[in-house]
């Protein structure tokens, strides 16, 4: 999957879909490789803050799920519900803040 994603990115093909985790990891590695190729002096063409945030979210989600599975299996069902609720709340808050600024 990683090789497919790298090839798709290289030819700028947006129609080839891959797993999000793989694409985030590939983006981070490509960014770091670009920094190494430039010697770290030139600014990076794109920011990877969003990709790093996504990667950290995956890590903490896996950590939380592992803890719930090992101790509270019944509570694991509520994790996706809470995640969707938080995402919808953040989206709504972002929308209302954006509308109040305009």
N, C-alpha and C. Protein backbone atom coordinates (compact mmCIF):
# COMPACT_ATOMS: atom_id res chain seq x y z
N UNK A 1 0.83 -1.19 0.00
CA UNK A 1 0.00 0.00 0.00
C UNK A 1 0.87 1.25 0.00
N UNK A 2 1.95 1.23 0.73
CA UNK A 2 2.82 2.39 0.79
C UNK A 2 3.45 2.70 -0.55
N UNK A 3 3.87 1.66 -1.26
CA UNK A 3 4.46 1.86 -2.58
C UNK A 3 3.42 2.39 -3.55
N UNK A 4 2.21 1.86 -3.47
CA UNK A 4 1.14 2.33 -4.35
C UNK A 4 0.84 3.80 -4.09
N UNK A 5 0.78 4.18 -2.81
CA UNK A 5 0.50 5.57 -2.46
C UNK A 5 1.62 6.49 -2.92
N UNK A 6 2.85 6.08 -2.75
CA UNK A 6 3.99 6.90 -3.18
C UNK A 6 3.96 7.08 -4.69
N UNK A 7 3.68 6.01 -5.42
CA UNK A 7 3.59 6.11 -6.88
C UNK A 7 2.43 7.02 -7.29
N UNK A 8 1.30 6.90 -6.64
CA UNK A 8 0.15 7.74 -6.96
C UNK A 8 0.45 9.21 -6.69
N UNK A 9 1.12 9.49 -5.59
CA UNK A 9 1.48 10.86 -5.26
C UNK A 9 2.49 11.41 -6.26
N UNK A 10 3.41 10.56 -6.67
CA UNK A 10 4.48 10.98 -7.59
C UNK A 10 3.92 11.40 -8.95
N UNK A 11 2.86 10.71 -9.41
CA UNK A 11 2.28 11.06 -10.71
C UNK A 11 1.07 11.98 -10.54
N UNK A 12 0.83 12.47 -9.32
CA UNK A 12 -0.27 13.39 -9.02
C UNK A 12 -1.63 12.82 -9.39
N UNK A 13 -1.85 11.57 -9.06
CA UNK A 13 -3.13 10.92 -9.34
C UNK A 13 -3.96 10.92 -8.07
N UNK A 14 -5.06 11.65 -8.08
CA UNK A 14 -5.91 11.72 -6.89
C UNK A 14 -6.97 10.62 -6.88
N UNK A 15 -7.11 9.88 -7.97
CA UNK A 15 -8.15 8.87 -8.05
C UNK A 15 -7.80 7.54 -7.40
N UNK A 16 -6.56 7.39 -6.96
CA UNK A 16 -6.14 6.14 -6.34
C UNK A 16 -6.25 6.31 -4.82
N UNK A 17 -7.15 5.54 -4.22
CA UNK A 17 -7.35 5.68 -2.78
C UNK A 17 -6.57 4.62 -2.03
N UNK A 18 -6.09 4.99 -0.85
CA UNK A 18 -5.40 4.06 0.03
C UNK A 18 -5.90 4.28 1.44
N UNK A 19 -5.42 3.50 2.34
CA UNK A 19 -5.80 3.65 3.73
C UNK A 19 -5.21 4.96 4.27
N UNK A 20 -5.99 5.67 5.06
CA UNK A 20 -5.58 6.99 5.55
C UNK A 20 -4.31 6.91 6.38
N UNK A 21 -4.18 5.91 7.22
CA UNK A 21 -2.99 5.79 8.05
C UNK A 21 -1.74 5.70 7.20
N UNK A 22 -1.79 4.90 6.15
CA UNK A 22 -0.64 4.75 5.27
C UNK A 22 -0.30 6.06 4.59
N UNK A 23 -1.31 6.78 4.11
CA UNK A 23 -1.04 8.04 3.42
C UNK A 23 -0.47 9.09 4.36
N UNK A 24 -0.92 9.10 5.61
CA UNK A 24 -0.37 10.04 6.59
C UNK A 24 1.09 9.70 6.87
N UNK A 25 1.37 8.44 7.04
CA UNK A 25 2.75 8.03 7.32
C UNK A 25 3.65 8.32 6.13
N UNK A 26 3.17 8.07 4.93
CA UNK A 26 3.95 8.37 3.72
C UNK A 26 4.21 9.87 3.61
N UNK A 27 3.22 10.70 3.91
CA UNK A 27 3.39 12.15 3.84
C UNK A 27 4.46 12.62 4.81
N UNK A 28 4.44 12.07 6.02
CA UNK A 28 5.43 12.46 7.02
C UNK A 28 6.83 12.05 6.56
N UNK A 29 6.98 10.83 6.08
CA UNK A 29 8.29 10.35 5.65
C UNK A 29 8.79 11.14 4.43
N UNK A 30 7.89 11.43 3.48
CA UNK A 30 8.30 12.22 2.31
C UNK A 30 8.73 13.63 2.71
N UNK A 31 8.03 14.22 3.66
CA UNK A 31 8.40 15.56 4.13
C UNK A 31 9.77 15.54 4.79
N UNK A 32 10.00 14.56 5.65
CA UNK A 32 11.29 14.46 6.32
C UNK A 32 12.41 14.16 5.33
N UNK A 33 12.14 13.33 4.34
CA UNK A 33 13.15 13.06 3.30
C UNK A 33 13.45 14.31 2.50
N UNK A 34 12.42 15.12 2.23
CA UNK A 34 12.64 16.38 1.53
C UNK A 34 13.49 17.34 2.34
N UNK A 35 13.26 17.38 3.65
CA UNK A 35 14.09 18.22 4.52
C UNK A 35 15.54 17.77 4.50
N UNK A 36 15.75 16.46 4.55
CA UNK A 36 17.11 15.94 4.51
C UNK A 36 17.78 16.21 3.17
N UNK A 37 17.02 16.12 2.09
CA UNK A 37 17.58 16.37 0.76
C UNK A 37 17.98 17.83 0.58
N UNK A 38 17.22 18.74 1.21
CA UNK A 38 17.55 20.16 1.12
C UNK A 38 18.57 20.59 2.17
N UNK A 39 18.93 19.68 3.04
CA UNK A 39 19.89 20.01 4.09
C UNK A 39 19.28 20.75 5.26
N UNK A 40 17.96 20.86 5.31
CA UNK A 40 17.29 21.52 6.42
C UNK A 40 17.34 23.03 6.35
N UNK A 41 17.99 23.61 5.32
CA UNK A 41 18.13 25.06 5.23
C UNK A 41 16.92 25.74 4.61
N UNK A 42 16.44 25.20 3.53
CA UNK A 42 15.32 25.82 2.82
C UNK A 42 14.01 25.46 3.52
N UNK A 43 13.05 26.38 3.49
CA UNK A 43 11.76 26.05 4.12
C UNK A 43 11.04 24.96 3.35
N UNK A 44 10.30 24.18 4.07
CA UNK A 44 9.55 23.08 3.45
C UNK A 44 8.40 23.63 2.63
N UNK A 45 8.09 22.98 1.50
CA UNK A 45 7.01 23.49 0.66
C UNK A 45 5.63 23.33 1.30
N UNK A 46 5.45 22.35 2.13
CA UNK A 46 4.16 22.15 2.80
C UNK A 46 4.40 21.86 4.27
N UNK A 47 3.40 22.15 5.07
CA UNK A 47 3.48 21.89 6.49
C UNK A 47 2.97 20.47 6.78
N UNK A 48 3.56 19.84 7.76
CA UNK A 48 3.11 18.49 8.11
C UNK A 48 2.43 18.47 9.48
N UNK A 49 2.12 19.64 10.02
CA UNK A 49 1.47 19.68 11.33
C UNK A 49 0.19 18.86 11.37
N UNK A 50 -0.63 19.00 10.35
CA UNK A 50 -1.88 18.23 10.29
C UNK A 50 -1.65 16.74 10.24
N UNK A 51 -0.64 16.33 9.47
CA UNK A 51 -0.33 14.90 9.37
C UNK A 51 0.22 14.38 10.70
N UNK A 52 1.05 15.17 11.36
CA UNK A 52 1.57 14.74 12.67
C UNK A 52 0.45 14.66 13.69
N UNK A 53 -0.48 15.61 13.63
CA UNK A 53 -1.64 15.56 14.53
C UNK A 53 -2.49 14.32 14.31
N UNK A 54 -2.67 13.97 13.05
CA UNK A 54 -3.43 12.76 12.71
C UNK A 54 -2.72 11.53 13.23
N UNK A 55 -1.40 11.47 13.05
CA UNK A 55 -0.62 10.33 13.51
C UNK A 55 -0.70 10.21 15.03
N UNK A 56 -0.60 11.32 15.75
CA UNK A 56 -0.70 11.31 17.22
C UNK A 56 -2.10 10.86 17.64
N UNK A 57 -3.12 11.32 16.92
CA UNK A 57 -4.49 10.90 17.23
C UNK A 57 -4.66 9.40 17.05
N UNK A 58 -4.08 8.83 15.98
CA UNK A 58 -4.12 7.38 15.79
C UNK A 58 -3.45 6.67 16.95
N UNK A 59 -2.29 7.17 17.37
CA UNK A 59 -1.55 6.53 18.46
C UNK A 59 -2.37 6.53 19.75
N UNK A 60 -2.91 7.70 20.12
CA UNK A 60 -3.68 7.75 21.36
C UNK A 60 -4.99 6.99 21.27
N UNK A 61 -5.58 6.93 20.09
CA UNK A 61 -6.78 6.12 19.91
C UNK A 61 -6.49 4.64 20.10
N UNK A 62 -5.36 4.19 19.55
CA UNK A 62 -4.97 2.78 19.74
C UNK A 62 -4.64 2.50 21.20
N UNK A 63 -3.98 3.44 21.85
CA UNK A 63 -3.64 3.29 23.26
C UNK A 63 -4.90 3.22 24.12
N UNK A 64 -5.86 4.09 23.85
CA UNK A 64 -7.12 4.09 24.58
C UNK A 64 -7.90 2.80 24.34
N UNK A 65 -7.97 2.36 23.09
CA UNK A 65 -8.69 1.13 22.77
C UNK A 65 -8.04 -0.08 23.45
N UNK A 66 -6.71 -0.13 23.46
CA UNK A 66 -6.02 -1.25 24.12
C UNK A 66 -6.33 -1.27 25.60
N UNK A 67 -6.34 -0.11 26.23
CA UNK A 67 -6.66 -0.03 27.66
C UNK A 67 -8.09 -0.45 27.94
N UNK A 68 -9.02 0.00 27.09
CA UNK A 68 -10.42 -0.37 27.30
C UNK A 68 -10.66 -1.85 27.06
N UNK A 69 -10.02 -2.42 26.05
CA UNK A 69 -10.20 -3.83 25.76
C UNK A 69 -9.69 -4.68 26.91
N UNK A 70 -8.55 -4.29 27.47
CA UNK A 70 -7.97 -5.12 28.53
C UNK A 70 -8.68 -4.97 29.87
N UNK A 71 -9.38 -3.85 30.09
CA UNK A 71 -10.02 -3.65 31.39
C UNK A 71 -11.54 -3.50 31.33
N UNK A 72 -12.04 -2.80 30.34
CA UNK A 72 -13.47 -2.48 30.28
C UNK A 72 -14.01 -2.74 28.88
N UNK A 73 -14.15 -3.97 28.51
CA UNK A 73 -14.57 -4.33 27.15
C UNK A 73 -15.92 -3.70 26.79
N UNK A 74 -16.82 -3.61 27.73
CA UNK A 74 -18.14 -3.03 27.46
C UNK A 74 -18.09 -1.55 27.14
N UNK A 75 -17.09 -0.83 27.64
CA UNK A 75 -16.97 0.60 27.38
C UNK A 75 -16.41 0.90 25.99
N UNK A 76 -15.79 -0.07 25.37
CA UNK A 76 -15.16 0.14 24.07
C UNK A 76 -16.17 0.57 23.01
N UNK A 77 -17.41 0.15 23.16
CA UNK A 77 -18.46 0.49 22.20
C UNK A 77 -18.70 2.00 22.16
N UNK A 78 -18.48 2.69 23.27
CA UNK A 78 -18.77 4.12 23.35
C UNK A 78 -17.66 5.01 22.80
N UNK A 79 -16.48 4.47 22.57
CA UNK A 79 -15.37 5.29 22.07
C UNK A 79 -15.68 5.90 20.70
N UNK A 80 -16.16 5.12 19.72
CA UNK A 80 -16.50 5.76 18.43
C UNK A 80 -17.61 6.80 18.56
N UNK A 81 -18.57 6.54 19.42
CA UNK A 81 -19.66 7.50 19.63
C UNK A 81 -19.10 8.81 20.20
N UNK A 82 -18.21 8.71 21.16
CA UNK A 82 -17.60 9.91 21.73
C UNK A 82 -16.74 10.63 20.70
N UNK A 83 -15.99 9.89 19.90
CA UNK A 83 -15.13 10.51 18.88
C UNK A 83 -15.96 11.26 17.85
N UNK A 84 -17.05 10.67 17.39
CA UNK A 84 -17.92 11.33 16.42
C UNK A 84 -18.56 12.56 17.04
N UNK A 85 -18.98 12.47 18.29
CA UNK A 85 -19.57 13.61 18.97
C UNK A 85 -18.59 14.77 19.10
N UNK A 86 -17.35 14.45 19.48
CA UNK A 86 -16.32 15.49 19.59
C UNK A 86 -16.03 16.11 18.23
N UNK A 87 -15.93 15.27 17.19
CA UNK A 87 -15.66 15.78 15.85
C UNK A 87 -16.79 16.69 15.37
N UNK A 88 -18.04 16.29 15.60
CA UNK A 88 -19.17 17.13 15.21
C UNK A 88 -19.19 18.43 16.00
N UNK A 89 -18.88 18.35 17.29
CA UNK A 89 -18.82 19.57 18.11
C UNK A 89 -17.73 20.52 17.64
N UNK A 90 -16.57 19.99 17.31
CA UNK A 90 -15.47 20.84 16.81
C UNK A 90 -15.83 21.44 15.46
N UNK A 91 -16.47 20.66 14.61
CA UNK A 91 -16.88 21.16 13.30
C UNK A 91 -17.91 22.28 13.45
N UNK A 92 -18.87 22.09 14.33
CA UNK A 92 -19.88 23.11 14.56
C UNK A 92 -19.26 24.37 15.14
N UNK A 93 -18.36 24.21 16.11
CA UNK A 93 -17.69 25.36 16.71
C UNK A 93 -16.87 26.12 15.67
N UNK A 94 -16.15 25.40 14.83
CA UNK A 94 -15.37 26.03 13.77
C UNK A 94 -16.27 26.78 12.80
N UNK A 95 -17.39 26.19 12.46
CA UNK A 95 -18.34 26.82 11.54
C UNK A 95 -18.91 28.10 12.15
N UNK A 96 -19.32 28.05 13.42
CA UNK A 96 -19.91 29.24 14.04
C UNK A 96 -18.86 30.34 14.24
N UNK A 97 -17.63 29.97 14.57
CA UNK A 97 -16.58 30.99 14.71
C UNK A 97 -16.27 31.63 13.37
N UNK A 98 -16.25 30.82 12.32
CA UNK A 98 -15.98 31.33 10.97
C UNK A 98 -17.09 32.28 10.53
N UNK A 99 -18.32 31.93 10.84
CA UNK A 99 -19.46 32.78 10.47
C UNK A 99 -19.48 34.08 11.25
N UNK A 100 -19.03 34.05 12.50
CA UNK A 100 -19.04 35.27 13.32
C UNK A 100 -17.95 36.26 12.90
N UNK A 101 -16.87 35.75 12.30
CA UNK A 101 -15.78 36.60 11.86
C UNK A 101 -16.16 37.31 10.57
N UNK A 102 -16.92 36.64 9.71
CA UNK A 102 -17.30 37.21 8.41
C UNK A 102 -18.33 38.23 8.55
